Amino acid sequence: MERIWAPWRVQYIKGEHPKGCIFCVKSKENRDGENLILFRDTLNFVIMNLYPYNPGHLMIVPNRHLAKLKDLTPEELNEHSALVSRAVEILREATGTDNFNVGMNLGRVAGAGIDDHIHTHIVPRWNGDNNFMPVIAETRVISESMKDIYKRLRAKF
């Protein structure tokens, strides 16, 4: 059996979490730059992951607090899907990669760190982006600052 280690995630797991849903809290604040919200559509928004697996790791999040995919209205689901597609193209243009992991972790057992507000992850991937640093040194190499990535992506939305 192979194992995938992600020791940098412990910062999120053990860190302090605000009361209430982080997505609901951040989406209601008027601080998009500080909260890394890149774009707001009518029913969903795009936010950068504060603990990214790779530079440019984004999440598409419905405005409504929902835990189950079946609870999205057809309008919410259509807009959500369109934003996933748009975000992939923006990341492709901004980062130069043609490779992505796109998906949802539905429930805590499935790996959802936030399991009570559904969201879709978009992770840009590059050949060789997995290396020894996270396992040996418990260090994740992110080649660009979050603020720089935010500015570059925000301009494209």
Protein backbone atom coordinates (compact mmCIF):
# COMPACT_ATOMS: atom_id res chain seq x y z
CA MET A 1 0.00 0.00 0.00
CA GLU A 2 1.30 3.43 -0.94
CA ARG A 3 0.71 6.40 1.34
CA ILE A 4 0.32 10.03 0.45
CA TRP A 5 1.51 12.34 3.19
CA ALA A 6 0.35 15.93 3.55
CA PRO A 7 1.91 17.10 6.84
CA TRP A 8 1.42 20.80 6.01
CA ARG A 9 -2.35 20.25 6.37
CA VAL A 10 -1.93 19.89 10.13
CA GLN A 11 -1.81 23.71 10.34
CA TYR A 12 -5.39 23.74 9.12
CA ILE A 13 -6.52 20.73 11.13
CA LYS A 14 -5.11 21.91 14.45
CA GLY A 15 -5.44 25.65 13.85
CA GLU A 16 -8.13 27.89 15.27
CA HIS A 17 -11.33 27.95 13.29
CA PRO A 18 -13.82 30.79 13.42
CA LYS A 19 -17.28 30.09 14.78
CA GLY A 20 -19.68 29.23 12.02
CA CYS A 21 -18.98 28.28 8.44
CA ILE A 22 -15.76 29.82 7.11
CA PHE A 23 -17.27 30.19 3.63
CA CYS A 24 -20.39 31.93 4.96
CA VAL A 25 -18.34 34.18 7.26
CA LYS A 26 -15.87 35.24 4.55
CA SER A 27 -18.51 35.71 1.86
CA LYS A 28 -20.51 38.10 4.09
CA GLU A 29 -17.51 40.29 4.88
CA ASN A 30 -16.59 43.15 2.58
CA ARG A 31 -12.89 42.19 2.49
CA ASP A 32 -12.47 40.13 -0.67
CA GLY A 33 -8.75 40.84 -1.01
CA GLU A 34 -7.96 39.79 2.57
CA ASN A 35 -10.26 36.78 2.30
CA LEU A 36 -8.81 35.75 -1.09
CA ILE A 37 -12.20 35.90 -2.81
CA LEU A 38 -11.41 36.32 -6.50
CA PHE A 39 -14.85 36.63 -8.02
CA ARG A 40 -18.51 36.77 -7.02
CA ASP A 41 -21.20 35.61 -9.39
CA THR A 42 -24.93 35.66 -8.66
CA LEU A 43 -25.15 32.31 -6.82
CA ASN A 44 -21.53 31.20 -6.28
CA PHE A 45 -18.10 32.68 -5.62
CA VAL A 46 -14.47 31.79 -6.30
CA ILE A 47 -11.98 31.76 -3.42
CA MET A 48 -8.33 30.77 -3.14
CA ASN A 49 -7.51 27.95 -0.73
CA LEU A 50 -5.56 29.36 2.24
CA TYR A 51 -3.78 25.99 2.60
CA PRO A 52 -3.17 25.16 -1.08
CA TYR A 53 -1.88 21.89 -2.44
CA ASN A 54 -0.34 23.89 -5.27
CA PRO A 55 -0.13 27.58 -6.24
CA GLY A 56 -3.47 28.71 -7.62
CA HIS A 57 -5.57 26.12 -5.72
CA LEU A 58 -9.10 27.53 -6.02
CA MET A 59 -12.53 26.60 -4.71
CA ILE A 60 -15.93 27.33 -6.24
CA VAL A 61 -18.49 27.80 -3.45
CA PRO A 62 -22.26 28.29 -3.53
CA ASN A 63 -23.49 31.37 -1.66
CA ARG A 64 -26.11 29.27 0.10
CA HIS A 65 -24.96 27.07 2.99
CA LEU A 66 -25.54 23.53 1.65
CA ALA A 67 -23.93 20.21 2.55
CA LYS A 68 -25.42 18.02 -0.16
CA LEU A 69 -24.99 18.21 -3.91
CA LYS A 70 -28.66 17.29 -4.42
CA ASP A 71 -29.72 20.47 -2.61
CA LEU A 72 -28.27 22.79 -5.25
CA THR A 73 -30.92 24.29 -7.49
CA PRO A 74 -30.46 23.77 -11.23
CA GLU A 75 -29.48 27.47 -11.49
CA GLU A 76 -26.88 27.14 -8.72
CA LEU A 77 -25.47 23.97 -10.25
CA ASN A 78 -25.29 25.46 -13.76
CA GLU A 79 -23.52 28.59 -12.52
CA HIS A 80 -21.22 26.46 -10.33
CA SER A 81 -20.23 24.29 -13.30
CA ALA A 82 -19.71 27.33 -15.52
CA LEU A 83 -17.43 28.88 -12.87
CA VAL A 84 -15.41 25.66 -12.61
CA SER A 85 -14.89 25.75 -16.37
CA ARG A 86 -14.05 29.46 -16.36
CA ALA A 87 -11.61 29.08 -13.45
CA VAL A 88 -9.79 26.23 -15.21
CA GLU A 89 -9.33 28.38 -18.31
CA ILE A 90 -8.15 31.36 -16.24
CA LEU A 91 -5.68 29.15 -14.37
CA ARG A 92 -4.50 27.66 -17.65
CA GLU A 93 -3.82 31.15 -19.01
CA ALA A 94 -2.33 32.54 -15.77
CA THR A 95 -0.15 29.58 -14.79
CA GLY A 96 0.69 27.93 -18.10
CA THR A 97 -0.44 24.48 -17.01
CA ASP A 98 -2.83 22.23 -18.89
CA ASN A 99 -3.24 19.83 -15.99
CA PHE A 100 -5.74 20.03 -13.14
CA ASN A 101 -7.40 18.04 -10.41
CA VAL A 102 -11.04 19.11 -10.17
CA GLY A 103 -13.36 17.60 -7.60
CA MET A 104 -15.47 17.58 -4.48
CA ASN A 105 -14.92 15.81 -1.19
CA LEU A 106 -18.48 15.02 -0.10
CA GLY A 107 -18.37 14.40 3.65
CA ARG A 108 -15.67 14.22 6.31
CA VAL A 109 -14.81 10.57 5.59
CA ALA A 110 -14.29 11.50 1.92
CA GLY A 111 -11.69 14.07 2.94
CA ALA A 112 -13.76 17.25 3.30
CA GLY A 113 -12.11 19.65 5.73
CA ILE A 114 -15.27 21.74 5.54
CA ASP A 115 -18.05 19.20 5.17
CA ASP A 116 -21.11 21.32 5.88
CA HIS A 117 -20.74 23.70 2.90
CA ILE A 118 -20.28 22.02 -0.46
CA HIS A 119 -17.49 23.31 -2.72
CA THR A 120 -15.40 22.24 -5.70
CA HIS A 121 -11.59 22.23 -5.63
CA ILE A 122 -9.50 23.14 -8.66
CA VAL A 123 -5.80 22.33 -8.25
CA PRO A 124 -3.31 23.23 -11.01
CA ARG A 125 -0.77 20.44 -11.59
CA TRP A 126 2.71 20.41 -13.11
CA ASN A 127 5.02 17.57 -13.96
CA GLY A 128 7.19 17.03 -10.89
CA ASP A 129 5.06 19.16 -8.54
CA ASN A 130 5.23 16.39 -5.95
CA ASN A 131 8.65 16.09 -4.40
CA PHE A 132 10.42 15.06 -1.21
CA MET A 133 10.02 18.37 0.66
CA PRO A 134 6.56 17.76 2.20
CA VAL A 135 7.52 14.29 3.43
CA ILE A 136 11.11 14.78 4.57
CA ALA A 137 11.11 18.41 5.68
CA GLU A 138 7.38 18.87 6.40
CA THR A 139 7.63 21.86 4.07
CA ARG A 140 5.45 22.67 1.11
CA VAL A 141 7.16 24.62 -1.66
CA ILE A 142 4.81 27.27 -3.00
CA SER A 143 6.72 29.17 -5.63
CA GLU A 144 4.73 32.40 -5.53
CA SER A 145 3.20 34.49 -2.74
CA MET A 146 -0.55 34.18 -2.16
CA LYS A 147 -0.94 37.94 -2.72
CA ASP A 148 0.90 37.82 -6.06
CA ILE A 149 -1.18 34.87 -7.26
CA TYR A 150 -4.35 36.61 -6.05
CA LYS A 151 -3.54 39.81 -7.96
CA ARG A 152 -2.74 37.92 -11.15
CA LEU A 153 -5.88 35.76 -11.01
CA ARG A 154 -8.18 38.57 -9.86
CA ALA A 155 -7.25 40.60 -12.93
CA LYS A 156 -8.40 37.74 -15.17
CA PHE A 157 -11.81 37.32 -13.54
